Structure formats: C-alpha cells, structure tokens
C-alpha cells in the first residue's frame, strides 16, 4: 500500500526534473493547476497512524 508520504516523495523527485518553464502559456497553466491540486490533495492531508503503528515500531527495534 502506498502512503501519502510516499506520494509526496515521488512527486518531489519528479518535480526536480520539471524545472524548465514551458513556453506554451496553456501548458504552463495546466502544469501549475496539477501542482496546486497535488499540494491540496497530497500535502495538506492529515497523516493518520494505523492502530498498530506503535506495535510495529517496537518490533522493528
């Protein structure tokens, strides 16, 4: 299962390759719309621990 944190890390990694400004204004607007949606849908969500998160953490030590 992929978590919100994994998605954020993947998006950050991909964003490093998309640094160049796109010359077509419509494409640039679409790109920024996608970035804003990802920020709203991924980065702004509250992180919730699973019910057995702390038990799993103890097992890993």
N, C-alpha and C. Protein backbone atom coordinates (compact mmCIF):
# COMPACT_ATOMS: atom_id res chain seq x y z
N UNK A 1 0.84 -1.17 0.00
CA UNK A 1 0.00 0.00 0.00
C UNK A 1 0.89 1.25 0.00
N UNK A 2 0.57 2.20 -0.85
CA UNK A 2 1.37 3.42 -0.95
C UNK A 2 0.74 4.50 -0.07
N UNK A 3 1.56 5.15 0.72
CA UNK A 3 1.04 6.15 1.65
C UNK A 3 1.16 7.54 1.06
N UNK A 4 0.55 8.49 1.73
CA UNK A 4 0.62 9.89 1.31
C UNK A 4 2.06 10.37 1.30
N UNK A 5 2.83 9.94 2.27
CA UNK A 5 4.24 10.34 2.32
C UNK A 5 5.00 9.82 1.12
N UNK A 6 4.74 8.57 0.71
CA UNK A 6 5.40 8.01 -0.47
C UNK A 6 5.06 8.83 -1.71
N UNK A 7 3.79 9.21 -1.84
CA UNK A 7 3.37 10.00 -2.99
C UNK A 7 4.08 11.35 -2.99
N UNK A 8 4.20 11.95 -1.81
CA UNK A 8 4.87 13.25 -1.71
C UNK A 8 6.34 13.13 -2.11
N UNK A 9 7.00 12.07 -1.68
CA UNK A 9 8.41 11.87 -2.02
C UNK A 9 8.56 11.65 -3.52
N UNK A 10 7.68 10.86 -4.10
CA UNK A 10 7.72 10.61 -5.55
C UNK A 10 7.50 11.91 -6.30
N UNK A 11 6.49 12.68 -5.88
CA UNK A 11 6.21 13.95 -6.55
C UNK A 11 7.40 14.89 -6.45
N UNK A 12 8.02 14.97 -5.28
CA UNK A 12 9.18 15.85 -5.11
C UNK A 12 10.31 15.42 -6.04
N UNK A 13 10.55 14.11 -6.15
CA UNK A 13 11.60 13.61 -7.02
C UNK A 13 11.32 13.96 -8.48
N UNK A 14 10.07 13.78 -8.89
CA UNK A 14 9.70 14.11 -10.27
C UNK A 14 9.79 15.60 -10.53
N UNK A 15 9.44 16.41 -9.53
CA UNK A 15 9.44 17.86 -9.73
C UNK A 15 10.85 18.39 -9.98
N UNK A 16 11.86 17.67 -9.52
CA UNK A 16 13.23 18.10 -9.77
C UNK A 16 13.58 18.03 -11.25
N UNK A 17 12.89 17.16 -12.00
CA UNK A 17 13.14 17.04 -13.43
C UNK A 17 12.29 18.01 -14.24
N UNK A 18 11.29 18.61 -13.62
CA UNK A 18 10.37 19.50 -14.34
C UNK A 18 10.64 20.94 -13.91
N UNK A 19 11.87 21.36 -14.00
CA UNK A 19 12.23 22.70 -13.56
C UNK A 19 12.07 23.71 -14.71
N UNK A 20 12.27 23.27 -15.94
CA UNK A 20 12.21 24.18 -17.08
C UNK A 20 10.81 24.76 -17.24
N UNK A 21 10.78 26.04 -17.56
CA UNK A 21 9.49 26.69 -17.82
C UNK A 21 8.99 26.24 -19.19
N UNK A 22 7.73 25.92 -19.27
CA UNK A 22 7.12 25.51 -20.54
C UNK A 22 6.75 26.78 -21.29
N UNK A 23 7.05 26.83 -22.59
CA UNK A 23 6.84 28.05 -23.37
C UNK A 23 5.37 28.32 -23.69
N UNK A 24 4.55 27.30 -23.86
CA UNK A 24 3.14 27.50 -24.16
C UNK A 24 2.41 27.89 -22.87
N UNK A 25 1.77 29.07 -22.84
CA UNK A 25 1.10 29.52 -21.61
C UNK A 25 0.00 28.56 -21.13
N UNK A 26 -0.70 27.93 -22.06
CA UNK A 26 -1.75 26.99 -21.66
C UNK A 26 -1.16 25.77 -20.95
N UNK A 27 -0.07 25.26 -21.48
CA UNK A 27 0.59 24.12 -20.84
C UNK A 27 1.13 24.51 -19.47
N UNK A 28 1.66 25.73 -19.38
CA UNK A 28 2.18 26.21 -18.10
C UNK A 28 1.06 26.31 -17.07
N UNK A 29 -0.11 26.82 -17.47
CA UNK A 29 -1.26 26.90 -16.56
C UNK A 29 -1.72 25.52 -16.13
N UNK A 30 -1.76 24.58 -17.07
CA UNK A 30 -2.16 23.21 -16.72
C UNK A 30 -1.18 22.58 -15.75
N UNK A 31 0.10 22.84 -15.97
CA UNK A 31 1.13 22.30 -15.08
C UNK A 31 0.94 22.84 -13.66
N UNK A 32 0.73 24.14 -13.53
CA UNK A 32 0.55 24.74 -12.21
C UNK A 32 -0.75 24.29 -11.57
N UNK A 33 -1.78 24.06 -12.37
CA UNK A 33 -3.04 23.53 -11.83
C UNK A 33 -2.81 22.15 -11.23
N UNK A 34 -2.04 21.31 -11.92
CA UNK A 34 -1.73 19.98 -11.39
C UNK A 34 -0.93 20.07 -10.10
N UNK A 35 0.03 20.99 -10.06
CA UNK A 35 0.85 21.16 -8.85
C UNK A 35 -0.01 21.60 -7.68
N UNK A 36 -0.90 22.56 -7.92
CA UNK A 36 -1.78 23.05 -6.85
C UNK A 36 -2.71 21.94 -6.37
N UNK A 37 -3.25 21.16 -7.29
CA UNK A 37 -4.13 20.04 -6.91
C UNK A 37 -3.37 19.01 -6.09
N UNK A 38 -2.15 18.68 -6.50
CA UNK A 38 -1.35 17.73 -5.74
C UNK A 38 -1.05 18.26 -4.35
N UNK A 39 -0.73 19.54 -4.26
CA UNK A 39 -0.46 20.13 -2.95
C UNK A 39 -1.69 20.02 -2.07
N UNK A 40 -2.84 20.34 -2.63
CA UNK A 40 -4.08 20.31 -1.85
C UNK A 40 -4.46 18.88 -1.48
N UNK A 41 -4.34 17.96 -2.43
CA UNK A 41 -4.81 16.58 -2.22
C UNK A 41 -3.80 15.68 -1.50
N UNK A 42 -2.52 16.00 -1.60
CA UNK A 42 -1.50 15.13 -1.01
C UNK A 42 -0.85 15.78 0.21
N UNK A 43 -0.28 16.95 0.02
CA UNK A 43 0.50 17.56 1.09
C UNK A 43 -0.36 18.07 2.24
N UNK A 44 -1.58 18.49 1.97
CA UNK A 44 -2.41 19.11 3.02
C UNK A 44 -3.29 18.10 3.76
N UNK A 45 -3.17 16.83 3.45
CA UNK A 45 -3.96 15.82 4.17
C UNK A 45 -3.29 15.49 5.49
N UNK A 46 -4.12 15.28 6.48
CA UNK A 46 -3.62 14.93 7.80
C UNK A 46 -3.06 13.51 7.77
N UNK A 47 -1.88 13.33 8.34
CA UNK A 47 -1.28 12.00 8.40
C UNK A 47 -1.90 11.24 9.57
N UNK A 48 -2.40 10.05 9.29
CA UNK A 48 -3.04 9.25 10.34
C UNK A 48 -2.23 7.98 10.57
N UNK A 49 -1.94 7.72 11.83
CA UNK A 49 -1.25 6.49 12.18
C UNK A 49 -2.24 5.33 12.16
N UNK A 50 -1.76 4.17 11.78
CA UNK A 50 -2.60 2.98 11.86
C UNK A 50 -2.73 2.57 13.32
N UNK A 51 -3.72 1.78 13.62
CA UNK A 51 -3.96 1.39 15.01
C UNK A 51 -2.80 0.60 15.61
N UNK A 52 -2.09 -0.15 14.79
CA UNK A 52 -0.97 -0.94 15.31
C UNK A 52 0.39 -0.34 14.94
N UNK A 53 0.42 0.92 14.62
CA UNK A 53 1.66 1.58 14.21
C UNK A 53 2.75 1.48 15.29
N UNK A 54 2.39 1.78 16.52
CA UNK A 54 3.39 1.77 17.58
C UNK A 54 3.86 0.36 17.91
N UNK A 55 2.98 -0.64 17.76
CA UNK A 55 3.40 -2.03 17.96
C UNK A 55 4.41 -2.44 16.89
N UNK A 56 4.15 -2.04 15.65
CA UNK A 56 5.07 -2.35 14.56
C UNK A 56 6.41 -1.66 14.78
N UNK A 57 6.38 -0.44 15.29
CA UNK A 57 7.61 0.30 15.53
C UNK A 57 8.46 -0.41 16.59
N UNK A 58 7.82 -0.96 17.62
CA UNK A 58 8.56 -1.69 18.66
C UNK A 58 9.20 -2.95 18.09
N UNK A 59 8.51 -3.61 17.17
CA UNK A 59 9.04 -4.84 16.57
C UNK A 59 10.28 -4.56 15.73
N UNK A 60 10.35 -3.37 15.13
CA UNK A 60 11.48 -3.04 14.27
C UNK A 60 12.74 -2.72 15.05
N UNK A 61 12.61 -2.42 16.32
CA UNK A 61 13.79 -2.07 17.13
C UNK A 61 14.58 -3.27 17.52
